[in-house]
């Protein structure tokens, strides 16, 4: 016993998340996605050294 209030609150929060529509700034999102920042796709010399050292252990059979 005693879980009724907690479950009701969880249900309320879940319903709010499911049916609410947050205000999204699409202009800011587009600017962020189209910024040209390649920090996730850029490779450094360290990556090349790690690939050379550990490449023989790779199981990628392409």
N, C-alpha and C. Protein backbone atom coordinates (compact mmCIF):
# COMPACT_ATOMS: atom_id res chain seq x y z
N UNK A 1 0.82 -1.18 0.00
CA UNK A 1 0.00 0.00 0.00
C UNK A 1 0.87 1.25 0.00
N UNK A 2 0.29 2.36 -0.39
CA UNK A 2 1.04 3.60 -0.37
C UNK A 2 1.64 3.99 -1.70
N UNK A 3 1.48 3.14 -2.71
CA UNK A 3 2.05 3.46 -4.02
C UNK A 3 1.06 4.20 -4.90
N UNK A 4 -0.15 4.39 -4.46
CA UNK A 4 -1.18 5.02 -5.27
C UNK A 4 -0.82 6.43 -5.68
N UNK A 5 -0.31 7.21 -4.73
CA UNK A 5 0.04 8.59 -5.02
C UNK A 5 1.23 8.66 -5.97
N UNK A 6 2.23 7.82 -5.75
CA UNK A 6 3.43 7.81 -6.61
C UNK A 6 3.07 7.37 -8.02
N UNK A 7 2.22 6.34 -8.11
CA UNK A 7 1.82 5.87 -9.43
C UNK A 7 0.99 6.92 -10.16
N UNK A 8 0.13 7.62 -9.44
CA UNK A 8 -0.68 8.67 -10.05
C UNK A 8 0.21 9.79 -10.58
N UNK A 9 1.24 10.13 -9.83
CA UNK A 9 2.17 11.18 -10.28
C UNK A 9 2.93 10.72 -11.52
N UNK A 10 3.40 9.47 -11.51
CA UNK A 10 4.11 8.94 -12.68
C UNK A 10 3.21 8.94 -13.90
N UNK A 11 1.95 8.56 -13.71
CA UNK A 11 0.99 8.55 -14.81
C UNK A 11 0.77 9.96 -15.34
N UNK A 12 0.66 10.92 -14.43
CA UNK A 12 0.46 12.31 -14.83
C UNK A 12 1.64 12.83 -15.63
N UNK A 13 2.87 12.55 -15.16
CA UNK A 13 4.06 13.01 -15.86
C UNK A 13 4.17 12.34 -17.22
N UNK A 14 3.91 11.05 -17.28
CA UNK A 14 3.98 10.33 -18.56
C UNK A 14 2.96 10.88 -19.55
N UNK A 15 1.75 11.19 -19.07
CA UNK A 15 0.72 11.74 -19.95
C UNK A 15 1.12 13.11 -20.46
N UNK A 16 1.71 13.94 -19.58
CA UNK A 16 2.18 15.26 -20.01
C UNK A 16 3.26 15.15 -21.07
N UNK A 17 4.19 14.22 -20.89
CA UNK A 17 5.26 14.03 -21.87
C UNK A 17 4.71 13.52 -23.20
N UNK A 18 3.73 12.64 -23.12
CA UNK A 18 3.18 12.04 -24.33
C UNK A 18 2.39 13.05 -25.16
N UNK A 19 1.59 13.87 -24.51
CA UNK A 19 0.67 14.72 -25.24
C UNK A 19 1.11 16.18 -25.36
N UNK A 20 2.19 16.56 -24.72
CA UNK A 20 2.63 17.95 -24.83
C UNK A 20 3.49 18.12 -26.08
N UNK A 21 3.46 19.31 -26.62
CA UNK A 21 4.31 19.60 -27.77
C UNK A 21 5.24 20.75 -27.37
N UNK A 22 6.50 20.44 -27.15
CA UNK A 22 7.43 21.48 -26.72
C UNK A 22 7.67 22.50 -27.83
N UNK A 23 7.99 23.71 -27.44
CA UNK A 23 8.30 24.75 -28.41
C UNK A 23 9.71 24.52 -28.94
N UNK A 24 9.80 24.22 -30.21
CA UNK A 24 11.09 23.95 -30.84
C UNK A 24 11.48 25.12 -31.71
N UNK A 25 12.69 25.60 -31.52
CA UNK A 25 13.21 26.69 -32.34
C UNK A 25 13.90 26.06 -33.55
N UNK A 26 13.15 25.91 -34.64
CA UNK A 26 13.68 25.22 -35.81
C UNK A 26 14.79 26.01 -36.50
N UNK A 27 14.74 27.33 -36.39
CA UNK A 27 15.81 28.15 -36.98
C UNK A 27 17.14 27.89 -36.27
N UNK A 28 17.10 27.83 -34.95
CA UNK A 28 18.32 27.56 -34.19
C UNK A 28 18.82 26.14 -34.46
N UNK A 29 17.89 25.21 -34.59
CA UNK A 29 18.26 23.82 -34.89
C UNK A 29 18.91 23.72 -36.25
N UNK A 30 18.34 24.38 -37.24
CA UNK A 30 18.91 24.35 -38.58
C UNK A 30 20.30 24.98 -38.60
N UNK A 31 20.45 26.07 -37.87
CA UNK A 31 21.76 26.73 -37.81
C UNK A 31 22.79 25.83 -37.15
N UNK A 32 22.37 25.13 -36.08
CA UNK A 32 23.29 24.24 -35.39
C UNK A 32 23.68 23.05 -36.26
N UNK A 33 22.70 22.47 -36.95
CA UNK A 33 22.99 21.31 -37.79
C UNK A 33 23.76 21.67 -39.05
N UNK A 34 23.56 22.86 -39.56
CA UNK A 34 24.22 23.27 -40.78
C UNK A 34 25.42 24.15 -40.55
N UNK A 35 25.98 24.08 -39.34
CA UNK A 35 27.08 24.99 -39.00
C UNK A 35 28.38 24.62 -39.70
N UNK A 36 28.51 23.39 -40.20
CA UNK A 36 29.74 22.99 -40.86
C UNK A 36 30.83 22.58 -39.90
N UNK A 37 30.49 22.41 -38.63
CA UNK A 37 31.47 22.00 -37.64
C UNK A 37 31.67 20.49 -37.75
N UNK A 38 32.83 20.08 -38.16
CA UNK A 38 33.11 18.66 -38.38
C UNK A 38 33.84 18.04 -37.21
N UNK A 39 33.53 18.45 -36.00
CA UNK A 39 34.27 17.93 -34.85
C UNK A 39 34.00 16.45 -34.62
N UNK A 40 32.89 15.93 -35.14
CA UNK A 40 32.60 14.52 -34.95
C UNK A 40 33.13 13.68 -36.10
N UNK A 41 33.36 14.28 -37.24
CA UNK A 41 33.83 13.51 -38.38
C UNK A 41 35.32 13.72 -38.64
N UNK A 42 35.91 14.69 -37.99
CA UNK A 42 37.33 14.97 -38.16
C UNK A 42 38.18 13.87 -37.52
N UNK A 43 39.21 13.48 -38.16
CA UNK A 43 40.13 12.49 -37.61
C UNK A 43 41.46 13.15 -37.32
N UNK A 44 42.06 12.77 -36.25
CA UNK A 44 43.35 13.34 -35.90
C UNK A 44 44.46 12.34 -36.18
N UNK A 45 45.69 12.78 -36.03
CA UNK A 45 46.83 11.88 -36.21
C UNK A 45 46.81 10.78 -35.16
N UNK A 46 46.29 11.08 -33.98
CA UNK A 46 46.21 10.06 -32.94
C UNK A 46 45.31 8.91 -33.37
N UNK A 47 44.21 9.24 -34.05
CA UNK A 47 43.31 8.19 -34.55
C UNK A 47 44.03 7.30 -35.55
N UNK A 48 44.82 7.89 -36.40
CA UNK A 48 45.56 7.11 -37.40
C UNK A 48 46.55 6.17 -36.71
N UNK A 49 47.22 6.65 -35.67
CA UNK A 49 48.18 5.81 -34.94
C UNK A 49 47.48 4.66 -34.23
N UNK A 50 46.33 4.94 -33.65
CA UNK A 50 45.57 3.89 -32.97
C UNK A 50 45.10 2.86 -34.00
N UNK A 51 44.61 3.32 -35.15
CA UNK A 51 44.18 2.39 -36.19
C UNK A 51 45.33 1.51 -36.66
N UNK A 52 46.50 2.08 -36.83
CA UNK A 52 47.65 1.31 -37.29
C UNK A 52 48.06 0.29 -36.24
N UNK A 53 47.98 0.68 -34.98
CA UNK A 53 48.43 -0.22 -33.91
C UNK A 53 47.43 -1.35 -33.67
N UNK A 54 46.15 -1.04 -33.66
CA UNK A 54 45.15 -2.02 -33.29
C UNK A 54 44.37 -2.57 -34.49
N UNK A 55 44.72 -2.17 -35.68
CA UNK A 55 44.01 -2.60 -36.87
C UNK A 55 44.03 -4.10 -37.10
N UNK A 56 45.10 -4.74 -36.67
CA UNK A 56 45.20 -6.18 -36.88
C UNK A 56 44.20 -6.96 -36.03
N UNK A 57 43.63 -6.34 -35.00
CA UNK A 57 42.67 -7.01 -34.14
C UNK A 57 41.24 -6.75 -34.58
N UNK A 58 41.06 -6.05 -35.67
CA UNK A 58 39.73 -5.71 -36.13
C UNK A 58 39.04 -6.95 -36.72
N UNK A 59 37.75 -7.07 -36.43
CA UNK A 59 36.96 -8.17 -36.97
C UNK A 59 36.06 -7.72 -38.10
N UNK A 60 36.28 -6.53 -38.57
CA UNK A 60 35.46 -5.98 -39.65
C UNK A 60 35.88 -6.62 -40.96
N UNK A 61 34.99 -7.41 -41.55
CA UNK A 61 35.31 -8.12 -42.79
C UNK A 61 34.51 -7.54 -43.94
N UNK A 62 34.85 -6.34 -44.33
CA UNK A 62 34.13 -5.70 -45.43
C UNK A 62 34.72 -6.06 -46.75
